[in-house]
Amino acid sequence: MGVTPDSAMMKPALQYLVLRSLGAPAVLLSLAMQGVFRGLKDTKTPLYATVAGDAINIVLDPIFMFVFQYGVRGAAIAHVISHVWWNILQIFYRIHTLMEIMATYRFVATQLESPAVWSVS
């Protein structure tokens, strides 16, 4: 199974694959971030980010393919944008969660430094 060199599909297939390969770092980061979330026992966040990314891809595909008339190249561009969006969502959520954890840690640390905690009556 494949495209023969004399096929009319060779040029669009190459265009799609070249543009999709530019999104390979985004795909790799997305998979790594999903592993981080799973390691932290959070499987919902990657699911929501994936659904949001897929929804963006569904919206952008016809826009890039038909409105901007990019054809197959538009599908590849939309897919790369959706993967970048997944990463943005996951990274911002993780940063937000880490900031909450750090704020909680600071609160606990200041409470432990309070003399009232260590005084014995």
PDB file of N, CA and C in Angstrom:
ATOM      1  N   MET A   1       0.855  -1.170   0.000  1.00  0.00           N
ATOM      2  CA  MET A   1       0.000   0.000   0.000  1.00  0.00           C
ATOM      3  C   MET A   1       0.898   1.230   0.000  1.00  0.00           C
ATOM      4  N   GLY A   2       0.600   2.155  -0.848  1.00  0.00           N
ATOM      5  CA  GLY A   2       1.392   3.359  -0.923  1.00  0.00           C
ATOM      6  C   GLY A   2       1.082   4.125  -2.189  1.00  0.00           C
ATOM      7  N   VAL A   3       1.776   5.216  -2.352  1.00  0.00           N
ATOM      8  CA  VAL A   3       1.585   6.064  -3.515  1.00  0.00           C
ATOM      9  C   VAL A   3       2.763   5.832  -4.451  1.00  0.00           C
ATOM     10  N   THR A   4       2.457   5.492  -5.666  1.00  0.00           N
ATOM     11  CA  THR A   4       3.522   5.291  -6.645  1.00  0.00           C
ATOM     12  C   THR A   4       4.068   6.644  -7.095  1.00  0.00           C
ATOM     13  N   PRO A   5       5.312   6.684  -7.545  1.00  0.00           N
ATOM     14  CA  PRO A   5       5.914   7.964  -7.942  1.00  0.00           C
ATOM     15  C   PRO A   5       5.169   8.683  -9.062  1.00  0.00           C
ATOM     16  N   ASP A   6       4.481   7.951  -9.930  1.00  0.00           N
ATOM     17  CA  ASP A   6       3.772   8.602 -11.035  1.00  0.00           C
ATOM     18  C   ASP A   6       2.309   8.921 -10.701  1.00  0.00           C
ATOM     19  N   SER A   7       1.918   8.696  -9.466  1.00  0.00           N
ATOM     20  CA  SER A   7       0.540   8.943  -9.042  1.00  0.00           C
ATOM     21  C   SER A   7       0.275  10.446  -8.888  1.00  0.00           C
ATOM     22  N   ALA A   8      -0.972  10.812  -9.143  1.00  0.00           N
ATOM     23  CA  ALA A   8      -1.370  12.212  -8.959  1.00  0.00           C
ATOM     24  C   ALA A   8      -1.409  12.593  -7.480  1.00  0.00           C
ATOM     25  N   MET A   9      -1.426  11.606  -6.604  1.00  0.00           N
ATOM     26  CA  MET A   9      -1.483  11.862  -5.157  1.00  0.00           C
ATOM     27  C   MET A   9      -0.107  12.090  -4.535  1.00  0.00           C
ATOM     28  N   MET A  10       0.954  11.885  -5.302  1.00  0.00           N
ATOM     29  CA  MET A  10       2.307  12.002  -4.746  1.00  0.00           C
ATOM     30  C   MET A  10       2.585  13.421  -4.244  1.00  0.00           C
ATOM     31  N   LYS A  11       2.276  14.429  -5.034  1.00  0.00           N
ATOM     32  CA  LYS A  11       2.572  15.806  -4.638  1.00  0.00           C
ATOM     33  C   LYS A  11       1.776  16.225  -3.396  1.00  0.00           C
ATOM     34  N   PRO A  12       0.436  16.022  -3.352  1.00  0.00           N
ATOM     35  CA  PRO A  12      -0.304  16.382  -2.132  1.00  0.00           C
ATOM     36  C   PRO A  12       0.142  15.582  -0.910  1.00  0.00           C
ATOM     37  N   ALA A  13       0.483  14.311  -1.120  1.00  0.00           N
ATOM     38  CA  ALA A  13       0.926  13.481   0.008  1.00  0.00           C
ATOM     39  C   ALA A  13       2.232  14.018   0.582  1.00  0.00           C
ATOM     40  N   LEU A  14       3.156  14.388  -0.297  1.00  0.00           N
ATOM     41  CA  LEU A  14       4.429  14.960   0.170  1.00  0.00           C
ATOM     42  C   LEU A  14       4.221  16.292   0.876  1.00  0.00           C
ATOM     43  N   GLN A  15       3.329  17.133   0.332  1.00  0.00           N
ATOM     44  CA  GLN A  15       3.036  18.410   0.977  1.00  0.00           C
ATOM     45  C   GLN A  15       2.495  18.190   2.389  1.00  0.00           C
ATOM     46  N   TYR A  16       1.556  17.260   2.510  1.00  0.00           N
ATOM     47  CA  TYR A  16       0.961  16.976   3.818  1.00  0.00           C
ATOM     48  C   TYR A  16       2.014  16.459   4.794  1.00  0.00           C
ATOM     49  N   LEU A  17       2.801  15.505   4.355  1.00  0.00           N
ATOM     50  CA  LEU A  17       3.791  14.894   5.252  1.00  0.00           C
ATOM     51  C   LEU A  17       4.878  15.881   5.667  1.00  0.00           C
ATOM     52  N   VAL A  18       5.306  16.730   4.755  1.00  0.00           N
ATOM     53  CA  VAL A  18       6.330  17.717   5.097  1.00  0.00           C
ATOM     54  C   VAL A  18       5.795  18.697   6.134  1.00  0.00           C
ATOM     55  N   LEU A  19       4.584  19.199   5.913  1.00  0.00           N
ATOM     56  CA  LEU A  19       4.018  20.142   6.881  1.00  0.00           C
ATOM     57  C   LEU A  19       3.708  19.471   8.215  1.00  0.00           C
ATOM     58  N   ARG A  20       3.211  18.233   8.178  1.00  0.00           N
ATOM     59  CA  ARG A  20       2.926  17.516   9.425  1.00  0.00           C
ATOM     60  C   ARG A  20       4.199  17.217  10.195  1.00  0.00           C
ATOM     61  N   SER A  21       5.300  16.997   9.492  1.00  0.00           N
ATOM     62  CA  SER A  21       6.555  16.707  10.188  1.00  0.00           C
ATOM     63  C   SER A  21       7.050  17.923  10.961  1.00  0.00           C
ATOM     64  N   LEU A  22       6.648  19.117  10.555  1.00  0.00           N
ATOM     65  CA  LEU A  22       7.014  20.317  11.322  1.00  0.00           C
ATOM     66  C   LEU A  22       6.337  20.321  12.696  1.00  0.00           C
ATOM     67  N   GLY A  23       5.244  19.600  12.816  1.00  0.00           N
ATOM     68  CA  GLY A  23       4.540  19.503  14.090  1.00  0.00           C
ATOM     69  C   GLY A  23       5.014  18.361  14.972  1.00  0.00           C
ATOM     70  N   ALA A  24       6.040  17.633  14.544  1.00  0.00           N
ATOM     71  CA  ALA A  24       6.525  16.496  15.329  1.00  0.00           C
ATOM     72  C   ALA A  24       6.966  16.885  16.740  1.00  0.00           C
ATOM     73  N   PRO A  25       7.681  18.008  16.934  1.00  0.00           N
ATOM     74  CA  PRO A  25       8.019  18.386  18.311  1.00  0.00           C
ATOM     75  C   PRO A  25       6.783  18.636  19.183  1.00  0.00           C
ATOM     76  N   ALA A  26       5.745  19.202  18.587  1.00  0.00           N
ATOM     77  CA  ALA A  26       4.505  19.437  19.345  1.00  0.00           C
ATOM     78  C   ALA A  26       3.853  18.114  19.736  1.00  0.00           C
ATOM     79  N   VAL A  27       3.877  17.143  18.838  1.00  0.00           N
ATOM     80  CA  VAL A  27       3.313  15.822  19.146  1.00  0.00           C
ATOM     81  C   VAL A  27       4.110  15.149  20.261  1.00  0.00           C
ATOM     82  N   LEU A  28       5.420  15.233  20.173  1.00  0.00           N
ATOM     83  CA  LEU A  28       6.278  14.634  21.199  1.00  0.00           C
ATOM     84  C   LEU A  28       6.051  15.286  22.559  1.00  0.00           C
ATOM     85  N   LEU A  29       5.970  16.610  22.585  1.00  0.00           N
ATOM     86  CA  LEU A  29       5.713  17.310  23.847  1.00  0.00           C
ATOM     87  C   LEU A  29       4.344  16.956  24.393  1.00  0.00           C
ATOM     88  N   SER A  30       3.370  16.834  23.512  1.00  0.00           N
ATOM     89  CA  SER A  30       2.020  16.466  23.945  1.00  0.00           C
ATOM     90  C   SER A  30       2.008  15.093  24.601  1.00  0.00           C
ATOM     91  N   LEU A  31       2.689  14.135  23.998  1.00  0.00           N
ATOM     92  CA  LEU A  31       2.751  12.787  24.585  1.00  0.00           C
ATOM     93  C   LEU A  31       3.495  12.795  25.914  1.00  0.00           C
ATOM     94  N   ALA A  32       4.569  13.576  26.000  1.00  0.00           N
ATOM     95  CA  ALA A  32       5.314  13.664  27.257  1.00  0.00           C
ATOM     96  C   ALA A  32       4.463  14.301  28.349  1.00  0.00           C
ATOM     97  N   MET A  33       3.728  15.354  28.000  1.00  0.00           N
ATOM     98  CA  MET A  33       2.873  16.009  28.990  1.00  0.00           C
ATOM     99  C   MET A  33       1.758  15.075  29.446  1.00  0.00           C
ATOM    100  N   GLN A  34       1.215  14.281  28.541  1.00  0.00           N
ATOM    101  CA  GLN A  34       0.197  13.314  28.946  1.00  0.00           C
ATOM    102  C   GLN A  34       0.773  12.310  29.928  1.00  0.00           C
ATOM    103  N   GLY A  35       2.020  11.915  29.725  1.00  0.00           N
ATOM    104  CA  GLY A  35       2.679  11.017  30.665  1.00  0.00           C
ATOM    105  C   GLY A  35       2.871  11.660  32.025  1.00  0.00           C
ATOM    106  N   VAL A  36       3.208  12.944  32.022  1.00  0.00           N
ATOM    107  CA  VAL A  36       3.362  13.670  33.296  1.00  0.00           C
ATOM    108  C   VAL A  36       2.041  13.697  34.049  1.00  0.00           C
ATOM    109  N   PHE A  37       0.969  14.032  33.339  1.00  0.00           N
ATOM    110  CA  PHE A  37      -0.342  14.084  33.996  1.00  0.00           C
ATOM    111  C   PHE A  37      -0.756  12.707  34.505  1.00  0.00           C
ATOM    112  N   ARG A  38      -0.520  11.676  33.731  1.00  0.00           N
ATOM    113  CA  ARG A  38      -0.867  10.327  34.191  1.00  0.00           C
ATOM    114  C   ARG A  38      -0.032   9.932  35.397  1.00  0.00           C
ATOM    115  N   GLY A  39       1.225  10.338  35.401  1.00  0.00           N
ATOM    116  CA  GLY A  39       2.083  10.057  36.551  1.00  0.00           C
ATOM    117  C   GLY A  39       1.590  10.740  37.816  1.00  0.00           C
ATOM    118  N   LEU A  40       0.935  11.884  37.639  1.00  0.00           N
ATOM    119  CA  LEU A  40       0.365  12.608  38.774  1.00  0.00           C
ATOM    120  C   LEU A  40      -1.086  12.191  39.040  1.00  0.00           C
ATOM    121  N   LYS A  41      -1.489  11.084  38.428  1.00  0.00           N
ATOM    122  CA  LYS A  41      -2.829  10.507  38.601  1.00  0.00           C
ATOM    123  C   LYS A  41      -3.936  11.453  38.145  1.00  0.00           C
ATOM    124  N   ASP A  42      -3.645  12.221  37.102  1.00  0.00           N
ATOM    125  CA  ASP A  42      -4.633  13.131  36.525  1.00  0.00           C
ATOM    126  C   ASP A  42      -4.834  12.724  35.067  1.00  0.00           C
ATOM    127  N   THR A  43      -5.866  11.953  34.826  1.00  0.00           N
ATOM    128  CA  THR A  43      -6.139  11.513  33.456  1.00  0.00           C
ATOM    129  C   THR A  43      -7.183  12.384  32.773  1.00  0.00           C
ATOM    130  N   LYS A  44      -7.869  13.217  33.546  1.00  0.00           N
ATOM    131  CA  LYS A  44      -8.917  14.056  32.958  1.00  0.00           C
ATOM    132  C   LYS A  44      -8.336  15.228  32.165  1.00  0.00           C
ATOM    133  N   THR A  45      -7.294  15.851  32.680  1.00  0.00           N
ATOM    134  CA  THR A  45      -6.739  17.021  32.008  1.00  0.00           C
ATOM    135  C   THR A  45      -6.241  16.698  30.600  1.00  0.00           C
ATOM    136  N   PRO A  46      -5.458  15.618  30.387  1.00  0.00           N
ATOM    137  CA  PRO A  46      -5.072  15.303  29.009  1.00  0.00           C
ATOM    138  C   PRO A  46      -6.275  14.997  28.114  1.00  0.00           C
ATOM    139  N   LEU A  47      -7.303  14.382  28.696  1.00  0.00           N
ATOM    140  CA  LEU A  47      -8.504  14.094  27.921  1.00  0.00           C
ATOM    141  C   LEU A  47      -9.162  15.390  27.462  1.00  0.00           C
ATOM    142  N   TYR A  48      -9.334  16.333  28.387  1.00  0.00           N
ATOM    143  CA  TYR A  48      -9.949  17.614  28.036  1.00  0.00           C
ATOM    144  C   TYR A  48      -9.103  18.381  27.021  1.00  0.00           C
ATOM    145  N   ALA A  49      -7.787  18.361  27.189  1.00  0.00           N
ATOM    146  CA  ALA A  49      -6.910  19.049  26.245  1.00  0.00           C
ATOM    147  C   ALA A  49      -6.984  18.401  24.869  1.00  0.00           C
ATOM    148  N   THR A  50      -7.055  17.074  24.826  1.00  0.00           N
ATOM    149  CA  THR A  50      -7.161  16.367  23.558  1.00  0.00           C
ATOM    150  C   THR A  50      -8.483  16.687  22.870  1.00  0.00           C
ATOM    151  N   VAL A  51      -9.574  16.683  23.630  1.00  0.00           N
ATOM    152  CA  VAL A  51     -10.882  17.010  23.052  1.00  0.00           C
ATOM    153  C   VAL A  51     -10.880  18.447  22.532  1.00  0.00           C
ATOM    154  N   ALA A  52     -10.306  19.374  23.295  1.00  0.00           N
ATOM    155  CA  ALA A  52     -10.240  20.766  22.845  1.00  0.00           C
ATOM    156  C   ALA A  52      -9.385  20.893  21.584  1.00  0.00           C
ATOM    157  N   GLY A  53      -8.261  20.202  21.550  1.00  0.00           N
ATOM    158  CA  GLY A  53      -7.405  20.226  20.364  1.00  0.00           C
ATOM    159  C   GLY A  53      -8.098  19.623  19.151  1.00  0.00           C
ATOM    160  N   ASP A  54      -8.813  18.514  19.361  1.00  0.00           N
ATOM    161  CA  ASP A  54      -9.546  17.900  18.255  1.00  0.00           C
ATOM    162  C   ASP A  54     -10.666  18.815  17.759  1.00  0.00           C
ATOM    163  N   ALA A  55     -11.340  19.484  18.698  1.00  0.00           N
ATOM    164  CA  ALA A  55     -12.402  20.421  18.299  1.00  0.00           C
ATOM    165  C   ALA A  55     -11.820  21.563  17.467  1.00  0.00           C
ATOM    166  N   ILE A  56     -10.664  22.054  17.874  1.00  0.00           N
ATOM    167  CA  ILE A  56     -10.016  23.110  17.104  1.00  0.00           C
ATOM    168  C   ILE A  56      -9.634  22.593  15.719  1.00  0.00           C
ATOM    169  N   ASN A  57      -9.148  21.370  15.649  1.00  0.00           N
ATOM    170  CA  ASN A  57      -8.799  20.780  14.358  1.00  0.00           C
ATOM    171  C   ASN A  57     -10.033  20.644  13.471  1.00  0.00           C
ATOM    172  N   ILE A  58     -11.153  20.230  14.052  1.00  0.00           N
ATOM    173  CA  ILE A  58     -12.393  20.084  13.286  1.00  0.00           C
ATOM    174  C   ILE A  58     -12.842  21.430  12.725  1.00  0.00           C
ATOM    175  N   VAL A  59     -12.674  22.493  13.502  1.00  0.00           N
ATOM    176  CA  VAL A  59     -13.075  23.823  13.046  1.00  0.00           C
ATOM    177  C   VAL A  59     -12.091  24.368  12.014  1.00  0.00           C
ATOM    178  N   LEU A  60     -10.793  24.180  12.265  1.00  0.00           N
ATOM    179  CA  LEU A  60      -9.787  24.768  11.382  1.00  0.00           C
ATOM    180  C   LEU A  60      -9.624  24.033  10.053  1.00  0.00           C
ATOM    181  N   ASP A  61      -9.881  22.734  10.026  1.00  0.00           N
ATOM    182  CA  ASP A  61      -9.712  21.977   8.777  1.00  0.00           C
ATOM    183  C   ASP A  61     -10.494  22.594   7.610  1.00  0.00           C
ATOM    184  N   PRO A  62     -11.812  22.759   7.715  1.00  0.00           N
ATOM    185  CA  PRO A  62     -12.523  23.337   6.572  1.00  0.00           C
ATOM    186  C   PRO A  62     -12.132  24.786   6.285  1.00  0.00           C
ATOM    187  N   ILE A  63     -11.770  25.518   7.333  1.00  0.00           N
ATOM    188  CA  ILE A  63     -11.367  26.913   7.116  1.00  0.00           C
ATOM    189  C   ILE A  63     -10.101  26.974   6.276  1.00  0.00           C
ATOM    190  N   PHE A  64      -9.082  26.222   6.683  1.00  0.00           N
ATOM    191  CA  PHE A  64      -7.819  26.246   5.938  1.00  0.00           C
ATOM    192  C   PHE A  64      -7.947  25.564   4.572  1.00  0.00           C
ATOM    193  N   MET A  65      -8.733  24.487   4.511  1.00  0.00           N
ATOM    194  CA  MET A  65      -8.826  23.740   3.258  1.00  0.00           C
ATOM    195  C   MET A  65      -9.684  24.442   2.206  1.00  0.00           C
ATOM    196  N   PHE A  66     -10.816  25.010   2.631  1.00  0.00           N
ATOM    197  CA  PHE A  66     -11.772  25.531   1.647  1.00  0.00           C
ATOM    198  C   PHE A  66     -11.851  27.059   1.620  1.00  0.00           C
ATOM    199  N   VAL A  67     -11.846  27.696   2.785  1.00  0.00           N
ATOM    200  CA  VAL A  67     -11.935  29.153   2.803  1.00  0.00           C
ATOM    201  C   VAL A  67     -10.640  29.779   2.296  1.00  0.00           C
ATOM    202  N   PHE A  68      -9.514  29.339   2.861  1.00  0.00           N
ATOM    203  CA  PHE A  68      -8.219  29.852   2.408  1.00  0.00           C
ATOM    204  C   PHE A  68      -7.705  29.110   1.173  1.00  0.00           C
ATOM    205  N   GLN A  69      -8.387  28.038   0.790  1.00  0.00           N
ATOM    206  CA  GLN A  69      -8.069  27.221  -0.385  1.00  0.00           C
ATOM    207  C   GLN A  69      -6.636  26.669  -0.356  1.00  0.00           C
ATOM    208  N   TYR A  70      -6.234  26.176   0.830  1.00  0.00           N
ATOM    209  CA  TYR A  70      -4.925  25.548   0.957  1.00  0.00           C
ATOM    210  C   TYR A  70      -4.973  24.059   0.648  1.00  0.00           C
ATOM    211  N   GLY A  71      -6.158  23.476   0.594  1.00  0.00           N
ATOM    212  CA  GLY A  71      -6.294  22.062   0.275  1.00  0.00           C
ATOM    213  C   GLY A  71      -5.658  21.169   1.332  1.00  0.00           C
ATOM    214  N   VAL A  72      -4.866  20.212   0.861  1.00  0.00           N
ATOM    215  CA  VAL A  72      -4.224  19.245   1.754  1.00  0.00           C
ATOM    216  C   VAL A  72      -3.258  19.954   2.700  1.00  0.00           C
ATOM    217  N   ARG A  73      -2.601  20.981   2.209  1.00  0.00           N
ATOM    218  CA  ARG A  73      -1.687  21.744   3.078  1.00  0.00           C
ATOM    219  C   ARG A  73      -2.450  22.362   4.244  1.00  0.00           C
ATOM    220  N   GLY A  74      -3.677  22.807   4.000  1.00  0.00           N
ATOM    221  CA  GLY A  74      -4.500  23.382   5.065  1.00  0.00           C
ATOM    222  C   GLY A  74      -4.826  22.379   6.155  1.00  0.00           C
ATOM    223  N   ALA A  75      -5.073  21.123   5.755  1.00  0.00           N
ATOM    224  CA  ALA A  75      -5.344  20.074   6.748  1.00  0.00           C
ATOM    225  C   ALA A  75      -4.119  19.846   7.625  1.00  0.00           C
ATOM    226  N   ALA A  76      -2.945  19.841   7.019  1.00  0.00           N
ATOM    227  CA  ALA A  76      -1.718  19.639   7.795  1.00  0.00           C
ATOM    228  C   ALA A  76      -1.476  20.816   8.738  1.00  0.00           C
ATOM    229  N   ILE A  77      -1.673  22.028   8.250  1.00  0.00           N
ATOM    230  CA  ILE A  77      -1.472  23.221   9.085  1.00  0.00           C
ATOM    231  C   ILE A  77      -2.451  23.209  10.256  1.00  0.00           C
ATOM    232  N   ALA A  78      -3.720  22.876   9.990  1.00  0.00           N
ATOM    233  CA  ALA A  78      -4.719  22.817  11.056  1.00  0.00           C
ATOM    234  C   ALA A  78      -4.347  21.779  12.098  1.00  0.00           C
ATOM    235  N   HIS A  79      -3.821  20.654  11.660  1.00  0.00           N
ATOM    236  CA  HIS A  79      -3.427  19.602  12.601  1.00  0.00           C
ATOM    237  C   HIS A  79      -2.258  20.047  13.483  1.00  0.00           C
ATOM    238  N   VAL A  80      -1.290  20.715  12.887  1.00  0.00           N
ATOM    239  CA  VAL A  80      -0.157  21.212  13.669  1.00  0.00           C
ATOM    240  C   VAL A  80      -0.631  22.260  14.680  1.00  0.00           C
ATOM    241  N   ILE A  81      -1.510  23.161  14.264  1.00  0.00           N
ATOM    242  CA  ILE A  81      -2.038  24.181  15.179  1.00  0.00           C
ATOM    243  C   ILE A  81      -2.780  23.519  16.331  1.00  0.00           C
ATOM    244  N   SER A  82      -3.554  22.471  16.048  1.00  0.00           N
ATOM    245  CA  SER A  82      -4.298  21.805  17.123  1.00  0.00           C
ATOM    246  C   SER A  82      -3.353  21.140  18.117  1.00  0.00           C
ATOM    247  N   HIS A  83      -2.251  20.569  17.656  1.00  0.00           N
ATOM    248  CA  HIS A  83      -1.283  19.975  18.584  1.00  0.00           C
ATOM    249  C   HIS A  83      -0.599  21.038  19.432  1.00  0.00           C
ATOM    250  N   VAL A  84      -0.279  22.152  18.837  1.00  0.00           N
ATOM    251  CA  VAL A  84       0.314  23.250  19.610  1.00  0.00           C
ATOM    252  C   VAL A  84      -0.685  23.722  20.667  1.00  0.00           C
ATOM    253  N   TRP A  85      -1.958  23.782  20.307  1.00  0.00           N
ATOM    254  CA  TRP A  85      -2.991  24.197  21.257  1.00  0.00           C
ATOM    255  C   TRP A  85      -3.100  23.211  22.420  1.00  0.00           C
ATOM    256  N   TRP A  86      -3.010  21.907  22.142  1.00  0.00           N
ATOM    257  CA  TRP A  86      -3.022  20.905  23.220  1.00  0.00           C
ATOM    258  C   TRP A  86      -1.914  21.205  24.210  1.00  0.00           C
ATOM    259  N   ASN A  87      -0.745  21.478  23.675  1.00  0.00           N
ATOM    260  CA  ASN A  87       0.406  21.727  24.543  1.00  0.00           C
ATOM    261  C   ASN A  87       0.215  22.986  25.376  1.00  0.00           C
ATOM    262  N   ILE A  88      -0.291  24.031  24.768  1.00  0.00           N
ATOM    263  CA  ILE A  88      -0.516  25.276  25.502  1.00  0.00           C
ATOM    264  C   ILE A  88      -1.481  25.025  26.655  1.00  0.00           C
ATOM    265  N   LEU A  89      -2.581  24.336  26.378  1.00  0.00           N
ATOM    266  CA  LEU A  89      -3.557  24.042  27.439  1.00  0.00           C
ATOM    267  C   LEU A  89      -2.937  23.228  28.565  1.00  0.00           C
ATOM    268  N   GLN A  90      -2.206  22.188  28.217  1.00  0.00           N
ATOM    269  CA  GLN A  90      -1.629  21.314  29.234  1.00  0.00           C
ATOM    270  C   GLN A  90      -0.561  22.035  30.049  1.00  0.00           C
ATOM    271  N   ILE A  91       0.269  22.818  29.399  1.00  0.00           N
ATOM    272  CA  ILE A  91       1.339  23.517  30.113  1.00  0.00           C
ATOM    273  C   ILE A  91       0.758  24.566  31.048  1.00  0.00           C
ATOM    274  N   PHE A  92      -0.203  25.351  30.565  1.00  0.00           N
ATOM    275  CA  PHE A  92      -0.781  26.378  31.440  1.00  0.00           C
ATOM    276  C   PHE A  92      -1.520  25.759  32.616  1.00  0.00           C
ATOM    277  N   TYR A  93      -2.213  24.650  32.389  1.00  0.00           N
ATOM    278  CA  TYR A  93      -2.891  23.991  33.497  1.00  0.00           C
ATOM    279  C   TYR A  93      -1.876  23.467  34.508  1.00  0.00           C
ATOM    280  N   ARG A  94      -0.786  22.888  34.028  1.00  0.00           N
ATOM    281  CA  ARG A  94       0.233  22.352  34.934  1.00  0.00           C
ATOM    282  C   ARG A  94       0.893  23.478  35.716  1.00  0.00           C
ATOM    283  N   ILE A  95       1.182  24.598  35.070  1.00  0.00           N
ATOM    284  CA  ILE A  95       1.773  25.745  35.772  1.00  0.00           C
ATOM    285  C   ILE A  95       0.811  26.254  36.833  1.00  0.00           C
ATOM    286  N   HIS A  96      -0.469  26.347  36.500  1.00  0.00           N
ATOM    287  CA  HIS A  96      -1.473  26.802  37.459  1.00  0.00           C
ATOM    288  C   HIS A  96      -1.530  25.865  38.664  1.00  0.00           C
ATOM    289  N   THR A  97      -1.501  24.566  38.426  1.00  0.00           N
ATOM    290  CA  THR A  97      -1.531  23.588  39.513  1.00  0.00           C
ATOM    291  C   THR A  97      -0.279  23.694  40.373  1.00  0.00           C
ATOM    292  N   LEU A  98       0.873  23.853  39.754  1.00  0.00           N
ATOM    293  CA  LEU A  98       2.114  23.987  40.521  1.00  0.00           C
ATOM    294  C   LEU A  98       2.109  25.252  41.365  1.00  0.00           C
ATOM    295  N   MET A  99       1.552  26.332  40.842  1.00  0.00           N
ATOM    296  CA  MET A  99       1.468  27.568  41.621  1.00  0.00           C
ATOM    297  C   MET A  99       0.566  27.383  42.838  1.00  0.00           C
ATOM    298  N   GLU A 100      -0.538  26.633  42.678  1.00  0.00           N
ATOM    299  CA  GLU A 100      -1.417  26.349  43.817  1.00  0.00           C
ATOM    300  C   GLU A 100      -0.688  25.520  44.867  1.00  0.00           C
ATOM    301  N   ILE A 101       0.078  24.533  44.415  1.00  0.00           N
ATOM    302  CA  ILE A 101       0.827  23.692  45.354  1.00  0.00           C
ATOM    303  C   ILE A 101       1.858  24.526  46.101  1.00  0.00           C
ATOM    304  N   MET A 102       2.558  25.413  45.382  1.00  0.00           N
ATOM    305  CA  MET A 102       3.563  26.258  46.032  1.00  0.00           C
ATOM    306  C   MET A 102       2.922  27.215  47.026  1.00  0.00           C
ATOM    307  N   ALA A 103       1.751  27.771  46.694  1.00  0.00           N
ATOM    308  CA  ALA A 103       1.059  28.667  47.617  1.00  0.00           C
ATOM    309  C   ALA A 103       0.640  27.916  48.874  1.00  0.00           C
ATOM    310  N   THR A 104       0.166  26.693  48.721  1.00  0.00           N
ATOM    311  CA  THR A 104      -0.215  25.877  49.870  1.00  0.00           C
ATOM    312  C   THR A 104       1.011  25.567  50.721  1.00  0.00           C
ATOM    313  N   TYR A 105       2.125  25.239  50.073  1.00  0.00           N
ATOM    314  CA  TYR A 105       3.358  24.941  50.798  1.00  0.00           C
ATOM    315  C   TYR A 105       3.818  26.167  51.591  1.00  0.00           C
ATOM    316  N   ARG A 106       3.766  27.347  50.980  1.00  0.00           N
ATOM    317  CA  ARG A 106       4.168  28.569  51.694  1.00  0.00           C
ATOM    318  C   ARG A 106       3.267  28.823  52.895  1.00  0.00           C
ATOM    319  N   PHE A 107       1.950  28.592  52.720  1.00  0.00           N
ATOM    320  CA  PHE A 107       1.021  28.798  53.817  1.00  0.00           C
ATOM    321  C   PHE A 107       1.339  27.846  54.967  1.00  0.00           C
ATOM    322  N   VAL A 108       1.559  26.582  54.649  1.00  0.00           N
ATOM    323  CA  VAL A 108       1.874  25.595  55.683  1.00  0.00           C
ATOM    324  C   VAL A 108       3.201  25.943  56.350  1.00  0.00           C
ATOM    325  N   ALA A 109       4.187  26.361  55.562  1.00  0.00           N
ATOM    326  CA  ALA A 109       5.494  26.697  56.120  1.00  0.00           C
ATOM    327  C   ALA A 109       5.394  27.891  57.066  1.00  0.00           C
ATOM    328  N   THR A 110       4.608  28.902  56.707  1.00  0.00           N
ATOM    329  CA  THR A 110       4.473  30.061  57.602  1.00  0.00           C
ATOM    330  C   THR A 110       3.719  29.676  58.859  1.00  0.00           C
ATOM    331  N   GLN A 111       2.779  28.735  58.763  1.00  0.00           N
ATOM    332  CA  GLN A 111       2.055  28.291  59.949  1.00  0.00           C
ATOM    333  C   GLN A 111       2.969  27.502  60.884  1.00  0.00           C
ATOM    334  N   LEU A 112       3.871  26.727  60.314  1.00  0.00           N
ATOM    335  CA  LEU A 112       4.799  25.953  61.135  1.00  0.00           C
ATOM    336  C   LEU A 112       5.835  26.839  61.807  1.00  0.00           C
ATOM    337  N   GLU A 113       6.163  27.979  61.189  1.00  0.00           N
ATOM    338  CA  GLU A 113       7.128  28.905  61.780  1.00  0.00           C
ATOM    339  C   GLU A 113       6.504  29.740  62.893  1.00  0.00           C
ATOM    340  N   SER A 114       5.196  29.738  62.987  1.00  0.00           N
ATOM    341  CA  SER A 114       4.507  30.525  64.005  1.00  0.00           C
ATOM    342  C   SER A 114       4.820  29.970  65.396  1.00  0.00           C
ATOM    343  N   PRO A 115       5.140  30.842  66.353  1.00  0.00           N
ATOM    344  CA  PRO A 115       5.445  30.364  67.712  1.00  0.00           C
ATOM    345  C   PRO A 115       4.271  29.649  68.371  1.00  0.00           C
ATOM    346  N   ALA A 116       3.056  29.997  67.970  1.00  0.00           N
ATOM    347  CA  ALA A 116       1.886  29.373  68.596  1.00  0.00           C
ATOM    348  C   ALA A 116       1.809  27.882  68.277  1.00  0.00           C
ATOM    349  N   VAL A 117       2.353  27.465  67.155  1.00  0.00           N
ATOM    350  CA  VAL A 117       2.317  26.054  66.784  1.00  0.00           C
ATOM    351  C   VAL A 117       3.219  25.233  67.694  1.00  0.00           C
ATOM    352  N   TRP A 118       4.360  25.790  68.073  1.00  0.00           N
ATOM    353  CA  TRP A 118       5.361  25.042  68.811  1.00  0.00           C
ATOM    354  C   TRP A 118       5.264  25.227  70.313  1.00  0.00           C
ATOM    355  N   SER A 119       4.402  26.108  70.772  1.00  0.00           N
ATOM    356  CA  SER A 119       4.338  26.338  72.219  1.00  0.00           C
ATOM    357  C   SER A 119       3.604  25.181  72.897  1.00  0.00           C
ATOM    358  N   VAL A 120       4.093  24.811  74.069  1.00  0.00           N
ATOM    359  CA  VAL A 120       3.473  23.737  74.832  1.00  0.00           C
ATOM    360  C   VAL A 120       2.805  24.362  76.042  1.00  0.00           C
ATOM    361  N   SER A 121       1.551  24.082  76.228  1.00  0.00           N
ATOM    362  CA  SER A 121       0.824  24.674  77.348  1.00  0.00           C
ATOM    363  C   SER A 121       0.910  23.826  78.572  1.00  0.00           C
TER     364      SER A 121
END
